[in-house]
Amino acid sequence: MDDDRDAAGQAVYEIGGQQYDLTTPGYSEAVARAHAMQQRPRCMCMPGGVETYVARLSGGYVVKRMPDTGDQHAPSCPHFEVAADASGLGALLGTAIREDPVTGLTALKLDFSLSRSPQRLASRDTSVRALATAPSCPRLSLRGLLLYLWEQAGLTRWQPSFAGKRSWATVRRRLLQAAGNKIVGGRPLLDRLFVPEPFSVEQREALGRRRAAFWAMAAPNSAGSGQRLLLIGELKEIVPARCGFKAIVKQVPDQAFVIDEHLYGRISRCLQPEISLWNAGDDIRMMSIATFSIGASGVPTIVELALAPATREWIPINDAFEQHLVERLVAERRSFLKIARINPRGRGLITSATLLDCPDSPSNLLVDVNADQPFNPDATQELKPDRKWIWHVAEGPMAALPQRQGASVRHG
């Protein structure tokens, strides 16, 4: 099996007075009826249940959590999500991210452009700026969009049974599913999103044909205008080219992406922390998201770029300390939810991960890396004292993690 799944079958829903899970005969029909009758299934992970809704996606139906209710579900429930403020997402909900439970669609507002014109290309200087400073308006940055889709795809969640099963094919499938109900500028995000298929030498020609067909929509017209596409892939390297530089994406090794010298200079300056972490070892994956255009010659040119380091399991991290924490969690076979900093709020102390296998003991894991200032307990006052575990890096090695308690979903 080349897949990892969130054990979505654990979720039990009350629909029309009866309880169903994914394996219950008649589940699909019950969900379809709920959608037709505009009923709200209740997820029974907590006593009394938590309201959800049914969305129609790709010709089928899926039960989704109501906006901003993830923290009301049990930690072991597939619908569980930490409070939106933990990742900075709270400031974007209702503005940059607007979810409609009636249609099941989520409208996104971005702080970068997916259109191009000669004037815009000549005047706009926004590449990689999203990583230099947090956005000043309620819109998703390029990096924010990457991490938001990662979270929506369930790729920030980990449990021991996923080991060895999270391939690029799985990552790609999940990202495309997550993007399936997203709208940008009134158009489906999938119309602009290029997530390359796993590369195969034997399938190289077929892959190239499908890629060219998708990229054709971004070809410039006679006036020089056109569309930009979004690329999500694992960056292999950025190396000098005959003129300027080129980026090589692991999943598209047979097609380089052009980077001009000006953009390369800003990448080197603004993305130095991410690049330094990437250079420190071979066990870091570099997730990349970029807007790119297609020139008259058919060659892709990157316009804006953002990077986000991840572990071998595709779990996003911010620094070497979070890398150490995540690697230990994986090695000790823990179930956890990594907090992606979708909308960074500076360098304050925030939750790095939440344990999902010990609901009755400290479950919020924080990393205090600021050795220049004494630890301020007020920085975590929003967390209950008995629900947080903190690694003070300046004081020495990481302490033992809270003990696993064999969490299970509660029904009814």
Protein backbone atom coordinates (compact mmCIF):
# COMPACT_ATOMS: atom_id res chain seq x y z
CA MET A 1 0.00 0.00 0.00
CA ASP A 2 1.63 3.28 -1.15
CA ASP A 3 -0.75 5.47 0.79
CA ASP A 4 -1.19 6.91 4.25
CA ARG A 5 -4.67 7.62 5.45
CA ASP A 6 -5.99 9.60 8.40
CA ALA A 7 -8.10 6.69 9.55
CA ALA A 8 -11.12 8.73 8.49
CA GLY A 9 -13.18 5.63 9.09
CA GLN A 10 -12.81 6.33 12.82
CA ALA A 11 -15.23 9.24 12.47
CA VAL A 12 -18.81 8.37 13.39
CA TYR A 13 -21.63 10.68 12.28
CA GLU A 14 -25.20 10.92 13.43
CA ILE A 15 -27.41 11.48 10.37
CA GLY A 16 -31.18 11.40 10.59
CA GLY A 17 -31.08 9.76 14.02
CA GLN A 18 -28.75 6.94 12.97
CA GLN A 19 -24.98 6.59 13.32
CA TYR A 20 -22.68 5.86 10.38
CA ASP A 21 -19.01 5.57 9.64
CA LEU A 22 -17.31 5.02 6.29
CA THR A 23 -17.74 1.26 6.55
CA THR A 24 -21.44 1.30 7.47
CA PRO A 25 -23.75 0.05 4.68
CA GLY A 26 -25.74 2.99 3.35
CA TYR A 27 -23.18 5.60 4.48
CA SER A 28 -22.83 7.23 1.04
CA GLU A 29 -26.59 7.35 0.54
CA ALA A 30 -27.12 8.88 4.00
CA VAL A 31 -24.53 11.59 3.34
CA ALA A 32 -26.09 12.34 -0.07
CA ARG A 33 -29.53 12.66 1.55
CA ALA A 34 -28.13 14.97 4.21
CA HIS A 35 -26.71 17.20 1.48
CA ALA A 36 -29.99 17.24 -0.47
CA MET A 37 -31.99 18.05 2.67
CA GLN A 38 -29.39 20.54 3.97
CA GLN A 39 -28.97 18.53 7.16
CA ARG A 40 -25.90 18.91 9.36
CA PRO A 41 -24.41 15.57 10.45
CA ARG A 42 -22.99 15.50 13.95
CA CYS A 43 -19.53 14.04 14.48
CA MET A 44 -19.82 11.85 17.57
CA CYS A 45 -16.20 12.12 18.71
CA MET A 46 -17.44 14.16 21.70
CA PRO A 47 -20.50 13.69 23.94
CA GLY A 48 -23.46 15.29 22.22
CA GLY A 49 -21.61 15.50 18.92
CA VAL A 50 -20.09 18.38 16.97
CA GLU A 51 -21.92 19.85 14.00
CA THR A 52 -20.41 19.29 10.53
CA TYR A 53 -21.67 19.84 6.99
CA VAL A 54 -21.75 17.95 3.70
CA ALA A 55 -19.98 19.35 0.63
CA ARG A 56 -20.20 18.09 -2.92
CA LEU A 57 -16.76 17.68 -4.41
CA SER A 58 -15.65 16.03 -7.67
CA GLY A 59 -19.01 14.42 -8.22
CA GLY A 60 -19.19 12.94 -4.71
CA TYR A 61 -19.97 14.03 -1.17
CA VAL A 62 -17.69 14.56 1.79
CA VAL A 63 -18.38 15.45 5.41
CA LYS A 64 -16.38 18.49 6.50
CA ARG A 65 -15.98 20.27 9.81
CA MET A 66 -17.71 23.61 10.22
CA PRO A 67 -15.42 26.65 9.88
CA ASP A 68 -13.28 27.36 12.95
CA THR A 69 -14.58 24.36 14.95
CA GLY A 70 -11.58 22.03 14.66
CA ASP A 71 -10.60 22.44 18.31
CA GLN A 72 -14.09 21.32 19.41
CA HIS A 73 -13.41 17.78 18.12
CA ALA A 74 -11.59 15.09 20.08
CA PRO A 75 -7.79 15.07 19.48
CA SER A 76 -7.97 11.63 17.88
CA CYS A 77 -10.80 12.66 15.53
CA PRO A 78 -9.87 13.21 11.86
CA HIS A 79 -11.67 16.58 12.05
CA PHE A 80 -9.54 17.79 14.96
CA GLU A 81 -7.57 20.98 14.39
CA VAL A 82 -5.91 23.31 16.85
CA ALA A 83 -7.43 26.73 17.40
CA ALA A 84 -6.87 28.97 14.37
CA ASP A 85 -4.79 31.47 16.36
CA ALA A 86 -2.11 28.83 16.99
CA SER A 87 -0.92 29.08 13.38
CA GLY A 88 -1.92 32.69 12.83
CA LEU A 89 -4.81 31.50 10.69
CA GLY A 90 -7.36 33.29 12.85
CA ALA A 91 -6.45 36.67 11.38
CA LEU A 92 -7.20 35.35 7.87
CA LEU A 93 -10.50 33.54 8.45
CA GLY A 94 -13.45 35.48 7.11
CA THR A 95 -11.21 37.76 5.05
CA ALA A 96 -8.43 36.02 3.12
CA ILE A 97 -10.13 32.64 3.67
CA ARG A 98 -13.91 32.53 3.37
CA GLU A 99 -15.55 29.13 3.64
CA ASP A 100 -19.16 28.69 2.56
CA PRO A 101 -20.80 25.66 4.23
CA VAL A 102 -23.72 25.87 1.79
CA THR A 103 -21.67 25.40 -1.38
CA GLY A 104 -18.65 23.71 0.22
CA LEU A 105 -16.37 26.20 -1.56
CA THR A 106 -13.61 28.28 0.04
CA ALA A 107 -12.69 31.62 -1.54
CA LEU A 108 -9.07 32.71 -1.10
CA LYS A 109 -7.60 36.20 -1.40
CA LEU A 110 -3.89 36.22 -2.26
CA ASP A 111 -1.29 38.93 -1.82
CA PHE A 112 0.44 37.95 -5.08
CA SER A 113 -0.76 37.99 -8.67
CA LEU A 114 -1.73 35.14 -10.96
CA SER A 115 -2.09 37.39 -13.99
CA ARG A 116 0.56 39.21 -15.94
CA SER A 117 0.92 42.16 -18.28
CA PRO A 118 3.94 44.03 -19.63
CA GLN A 119 3.29 46.86 -17.15
CA ARG A 120 2.96 44.54 -14.17
CA LEU A 121 6.08 42.60 -15.06
CA ALA A 122 8.04 45.83 -15.34
CA SER A 123 6.87 47.45 -12.11
CA ARG A 124 5.99 44.82 -9.51
CA ASP A 125 8.70 43.80 -7.04
CA THR A 126 7.09 41.29 -4.71
CA SER A 127 9.06 38.07 -5.18
CA VAL A 128 9.90 36.36 -1.88
CA ARG A 129 8.82 39.43 0.10
CA ALA A 130 6.27 37.31 1.94
CA LEU A 131 9.03 35.54 3.84
CA ALA A 132 10.82 38.76 4.76
CA THR A 133 7.83 40.24 6.60
CA ALA A 134 4.36 39.11 7.52
CA PRO A 135 1.65 40.44 5.20
CA SER A 136 0.25 43.81 6.32
CA CYS A 137 -3.23 43.08 4.95
CA PRO A 138 -5.50 40.06 5.47
CA ARG A 139 -4.41 38.09 2.42
CA LEU A 140 -2.58 34.81 1.99
CA SER A 141 1.09 35.08 1.14
CA LEU A 142 2.72 32.64 -1.24
CA ARG A 143 4.26 30.70 1.64
CA GLY A 144 1.00 30.98 3.58
CA LEU A 145 -0.89 29.37 0.70
CA LEU A 146 1.58 26.48 0.61
CA LEU A 147 1.25 25.76 4.33
CA TYR A 148 -2.52 26.29 4.27
CA LEU A 149 -2.91 23.67 1.54
CA TRP A 150 -0.50 21.40 3.43
CA GLU A 151 -2.68 21.63 6.52
CA GLN A 152 -5.90 21.22 4.54
CA ALA A 153 -4.41 18.11 2.92
CA GLY A 154 -3.79 16.52 6.31
CA LEU A 155 -0.03 16.48 5.73
CA THR A 156 0.68 18.11 9.09
CA ARG A 157 -0.89 15.11 10.86
CA TRP A 158 1.21 12.05 11.69
CA GLN A 159 0.64 8.66 13.25
CA PRO A 160 2.95 5.62 13.39
CA SER A 161 1.02 3.68 10.73
CA PHE A 162 2.01 6.33 8.14
CA ALA A 163 5.69 5.34 8.29
CA GLY A 164 7.01 4.43 4.87
CA LYS A 165 3.70 5.21 3.14
CA ARG A 166 3.83 8.97 2.56
CA SER A 167 5.19 9.04 -0.99
CA TRP A 168 5.10 11.99 -3.38
CA ALA A 169 2.13 10.31 -5.08
CA THR A 170 0.26 10.51 -1.76
CA VAL A 171 1.35 14.11 -1.15
CA ARG A 172 0.26 15.12 -4.65
CA ARG A 173 -3.12 13.39 -4.40
CA ARG A 174 -3.86 15.01 -1.07
CA LEU A 175 -2.83 18.49 -2.24
CA LEU A 176 -5.03 18.27 -5.29
CA GLN A 177 -7.95 17.09 -3.15
CA ALA A 178 -7.38 19.96 -0.74
CA ALA A 179 -7.33 22.46 -3.60
CA GLY A 180 -10.44 20.96 -5.17
CA ASN A 181 -12.90 23.26 -3.41
CA LYS A 182 -10.75 26.40 -3.37
CA ILE A 183 -11.60 29.46 -5.47
CA VAL A 184 -9.22 32.29 -6.40
CA GLY A 185 -10.52 35.33 -8.23
CA GLY A 186 -13.76 33.53 -9.01
CA ARG A 187 -11.96 30.62 -10.66
CA PRO A 188 -11.06 27.15 -9.37
CA LEU A 189 -7.58 27.04 -7.90
CA LEU A 190 -7.04 23.72 -9.69
CA ASP A 191 -7.12 25.58 -13.01
CA ARG A 192 -3.86 27.28 -12.04
CA LEU A 193 -2.18 24.73 -9.76
CA PHE A 194 0.54 22.50 -11.21
CA VAL A 195 1.59 19.72 -8.84
CA PRO A 196 3.82 17.43 -10.92
CA GLU A 197 3.23 13.72 -11.10
CA PRO A 198 5.90 11.36 -9.77
CA PHE A 199 8.63 11.22 -12.40
CA SER A 200 9.34 8.01 -14.28
CA VAL A 201 11.86 7.56 -17.08
CA GLU A 202 9.55 5.07 -18.74
CA GLN A 203 6.66 7.55 -18.64
CA ARG A 204 8.74 10.60 -19.52
CA GLU A 205 7.08 11.33 -22.87
CA ALA A 206 3.54 10.91 -21.54
CA LEU A 207 4.34 13.10 -18.53
CA GLY A 208 5.78 15.74 -20.84
CA ARG A 209 2.67 15.77 -23.02
CA ARG A 210 0.32 16.18 -20.05
CA ARG A 211 2.54 18.88 -18.59
CA ALA A 212 2.67 20.82 -21.87
CA ALA A 213 -1.11 20.62 -22.23
CA PHE A 214 -1.60 22.10 -18.76
CA TRP A 215 1.00 24.81 -19.30
CA ALA A 216 -0.54 25.85 -22.62
CA MET A 217 -3.11 27.98 -20.81
CA ALA A 218 -0.27 30.22 -19.56
CA ALA A 219 1.17 30.92 -23.01
CA PRO A 220 1.36 34.68 -23.73
CA ASN A 221 -1.00 36.26 -26.23
CA SER A 222 -0.07 38.78 -28.91
CA ALA A 223 -0.21 41.65 -26.39
CA GLY A 224 2.18 39.91 -24.00
CA SER A 225 -0.55 39.29 -21.45
CA GLY A 226 -1.52 35.92 -20.07
CA GLN A 227 -1.81 33.88 -16.91
CA ARG A 228 0.61 32.73 -14.30
CA LEU A 229 0.50 29.24 -12.92
CA LEU A 230 1.31 27.96 -9.45
CA LEU A 231 3.94 25.27 -8.94
CA ILE A 232 4.24 23.11 -5.83
CA GLY A 233 7.09 20.61 -5.74
CA GLU A 234 10.26 19.58 -3.95
CA LEU A 235 13.18 21.80 -4.87
CA LYS A 236 16.33 19.89 -5.78
CA GLU A 237 18.70 22.78 -6.46
CA ILE A 238 19.16 26.26 -7.85
CA VAL A 239 22.24 26.41 -10.05
CA PRO A 240 23.86 28.85 -12.50
CA ALA A 241 22.65 28.74 -16.09
CA ARG A 242 24.21 30.28 -19.21
CA CYS A 243 22.29 33.46 -18.42
CA GLY A 244 21.04 33.82 -14.87
CA PHE A 245 20.04 30.77 -12.86
CA LYS A 246 17.73 27.79 -13.04
CA ALA A 247 15.71 25.85 -10.49
CA ILE A 248 15.40 22.07 -10.70
CA VAL A 249 12.35 20.47 -9.14
CA LYS A 250 12.78 16.79 -8.21
CA GLN A 251 9.49 15.78 -9.77
CA VAL A 252 10.30 17.63 -13.04
CA PRO A 253 13.99 16.79 -13.56
CA ASP A 254 13.76 17.12 -17.34
CA GLN A 255 12.57 20.75 -17.36
CA ALA A 256 14.43 23.60 -15.65
CA PHE A 257 12.66 26.73 -14.41
CA VAL A 258 14.41 30.00 -15.26
CA ILE A 259 15.33 32.41 -12.45
CA ASP A 260 16.79 35.80 -13.35
CA GLU A 261 19.71 37.31 -11.42
CA HIS A 262 17.54 39.88 -9.65
CA LEU A 263 15.20 37.25 -8.24
CA TYR A 264 18.12 35.00 -7.33
CA GLY A 265 19.68 37.82 -5.31
CA ARG A 266 16.49 38.34 -3.34
CA ILE A 267 16.13 34.60 -2.76
CA SER A 268 19.65 34.52 -1.34
CA ARG A 269 18.90 37.41 1.01
CA CYS A 270 15.31 36.79 2.11
CA LEU A 271 15.34 33.00 2.30
CA GLN A 272 18.71 32.55 4.00
CA PRO A 273 17.31 30.83 7.15
CA GLU A 274 15.50 28.21 5.07
CA ILE A 275 18.48 27.69 2.78
CA SER A 276 20.86 27.34 5.73
CA LEU A 277 18.68 24.66 7.31
CA TRP A 278 18.44 22.86 3.95
CA ASN A 279 22.22 22.95 3.50
CA ALA A 280 22.85 21.57 6.98
CA GLY A 281 21.87 17.99 6.16
CA ASP A 282 20.47 15.60 3.58
CA ASP A 283 17.44 14.74 5.71
CA ILE A 284 15.62 18.01 4.92
CA ARG A 285 13.16 18.30 2.06
CA MET A 286 12.66 21.77 0.62
CA MET A 287 9.05 22.33 -0.31
CA SER A 288 8.69 25.09 -2.87
CA ILE A 289 5.81 27.10 -4.21
CA ALA A 290 6.22 29.50 -7.08
CA THR A 291 4.29 31.52 -9.58
CA PHE A 292 5.64 31.05 -13.08
CA SER A 293 4.91 32.12 -16.62
CA ILE A 294 5.55 30.47 -19.95
CA GLY A 295 7.60 32.38 -22.51
CA ALA A 296 7.14 32.35 -26.27
CA SER A 297 9.72 29.55 -26.43
CA GLY A 298 7.69 27.42 -24.03
CA VAL A 299 10.27 27.71 -21.23
CA PRO A 300 8.87 28.33 -17.69
CA THR A 301 10.18 31.38 -15.81
CA ILE A 302 9.67 31.76 -12.06
CA VAL A 303 8.23 35.12 -11.03
CA GLU A 304 7.82 34.67 -7.28
CA LEU A 305 9.13 31.95 -4.99
CA ALA A 306 8.68 30.80 -1.40
CA LEU A 307 10.27 27.90 0.46
CA ALA A 308 9.29 25.81 3.48
CA PRO A 309 11.61 23.12 4.89
CA ALA A 310 10.14 19.75 5.84
CA THR A 311 11.30 16.47 7.34
CA ARG A 312 11.62 13.24 5.37
CA GLU A 313 7.97 12.58 6.25
CA TRP A 314 6.93 15.86 4.55
CA ILE A 315 6.16 17.49 7.90
CA PRO A 316 6.90 21.26 7.76
CA ILE A 317 9.42 22.70 10.22
CA ASN A 318 10.80 26.16 10.90
CA ASP A 319 14.25 25.50 12.31
CA ALA A 320 16.66 22.82 13.50
CA PHE A 321 15.01 22.70 16.93
CA GLU A 322 11.61 21.86 15.47
CA GLN A 323 13.34 19.33 13.24
CA HIS A 324 14.80 17.64 16.33
CA LEU A 325 11.40 17.64 18.03
CA VAL A 326 9.56 16.17 15.03
CA GLU A 327 12.21 13.53 14.41
CA ARG A 328 11.97 12.45 18.05
CA LEU A 329 8.17 12.28 17.86
CA VAL A 330 8.38 10.09 14.76
CA ALA A 331 11.13 7.88 16.24
CA GLU A 332 9.06 7.33 19.39
CA ARG A 333 6.04 6.42 17.26
CA ARG A 334 3.85 9.23 18.51
CA SER A 335 0.66 10.57 16.96
CA PHE A 336 0.73 14.34 16.61
CA LEU A 337 -0.37 17.37 14.68
CA LYS A 338 2.40 19.73 13.57
CA ILE A 339 1.42 23.40 13.70
CA ALA A 340 2.22 25.13 10.41
CA ARG A 341 2.86 28.86 10.81
CA ILE A 342 0.54 29.92 8.02
CA ASN A 343 0.52 33.56 9.10
CA PRO A 344 3.68 34.20 11.20
CA ARG A 345 3.30 36.62 14.08
CA GLY A 346 6.95 37.27 14.83
CA ARG A 347 9.27 35.17 16.97
CA GLY A 348 7.03 34.77 19.99
CA LEU A 349 6.74 31.42 21.75
CA ILE A 350 3.98 29.42 20.07
CA THR A 351 2.92 25.80 19.93
CA SER A 352 5.06 23.68 17.59
CA ALA A 353 2.99 20.50 17.76
CA THR A 354 0.04 18.96 19.56
CA LEU A 355 0.11 15.35 20.72
CA LEU A 356 -2.95 13.34 19.73
CA ASP A 357 -2.24 10.26 21.83
CA CYS A 358 -2.40 11.69 25.36
CA PRO A 359 -5.57 13.77 25.70
CA ASP A 360 -5.52 13.69 29.52
CA SER A 361 -2.00 15.10 30.02
CA PRO A 362 0.16 17.90 28.54
CA SER A 363 -0.34 17.83 24.80
CA ASN A 364 0.87 21.20 23.45
CA LEU A 365 4.58 21.09 22.68
CA LEU A 366 6.48 24.38 22.61
CA VAL A 367 10.12 25.19 21.88
CA ASP A 368 11.74 28.17 23.63
CA VAL A 369 14.80 29.11 21.56
CA ASN A 370 15.30 32.69 22.77
CA ALA A 371 18.38 32.49 24.97
CA ASP A 372 18.77 36.29 25.13
CA GLN A 373 15.64 36.84 27.16
CA PRO A 374 14.31 34.98 30.20
CA PHE A 375 11.25 32.85 29.61
CA ASN A 376 8.02 34.78 30.06
CA PRO A 377 5.18 32.56 31.30
CA ASP A 378 2.68 35.14 30.03
CA ALA A 379 3.71 34.20 26.49
CA THR A 380 1.77 30.96 26.87
CA GLN A 381 -0.98 32.13 29.19
CA GLU A 382 -3.65 31.18 26.65
CA LEU A 383 -2.70 27.52 27.24
CA LYS A 384 -3.80 25.71 30.38
CA PRO A 385 -0.79 25.07 32.70
CA ASP A 386 -1.43 21.32 32.66
CA ARG A 387 -1.68 21.18 28.87
CA LYS A 388 1.74 22.43 27.79
CA TRP A 389 5.24 20.97 27.58
CA ILE A 390 8.12 23.34 26.90
CA TRP A 391 11.66 22.63 25.76
CA HIS A 392 13.91 25.48 26.94
CA VAL A 393 16.75 25.01 24.48
CA ALA A 394 19.22 27.14 26.45
CA GLU A 395 18.80 24.90 29.50
CA GLY A 396 19.95 21.71 27.82
CA PRO A 397 18.65 18.60 26.02
CA MET A 398 14.98 17.97 25.44
CA ALA A 399 13.15 16.46 28.39
CA ALA A 400 11.05 13.31 28.12
CA LEU A 401 7.85 13.75 26.17
CA PRO A 402 4.47 13.34 27.87
CA GLN A 403 3.53 9.69 28.06
CA ARG A 404 1.23 8.14 25.46
CA GLN A 405 -2.21 7.23 26.75
CA GLY A 406 -3.72 5.27 23.87
CA ALA A 407 -6.28 7.84 22.79
CA SER A 408 -9.44 6.61 21.12
CA VAL A 409 -12.40 8.36 19.54
CA ARG A 410 -15.38 8.57 21.86
CA HIS A 411 -18.74 7.80 20.29
CA GLY A 412 -22.13 8.97 21.50
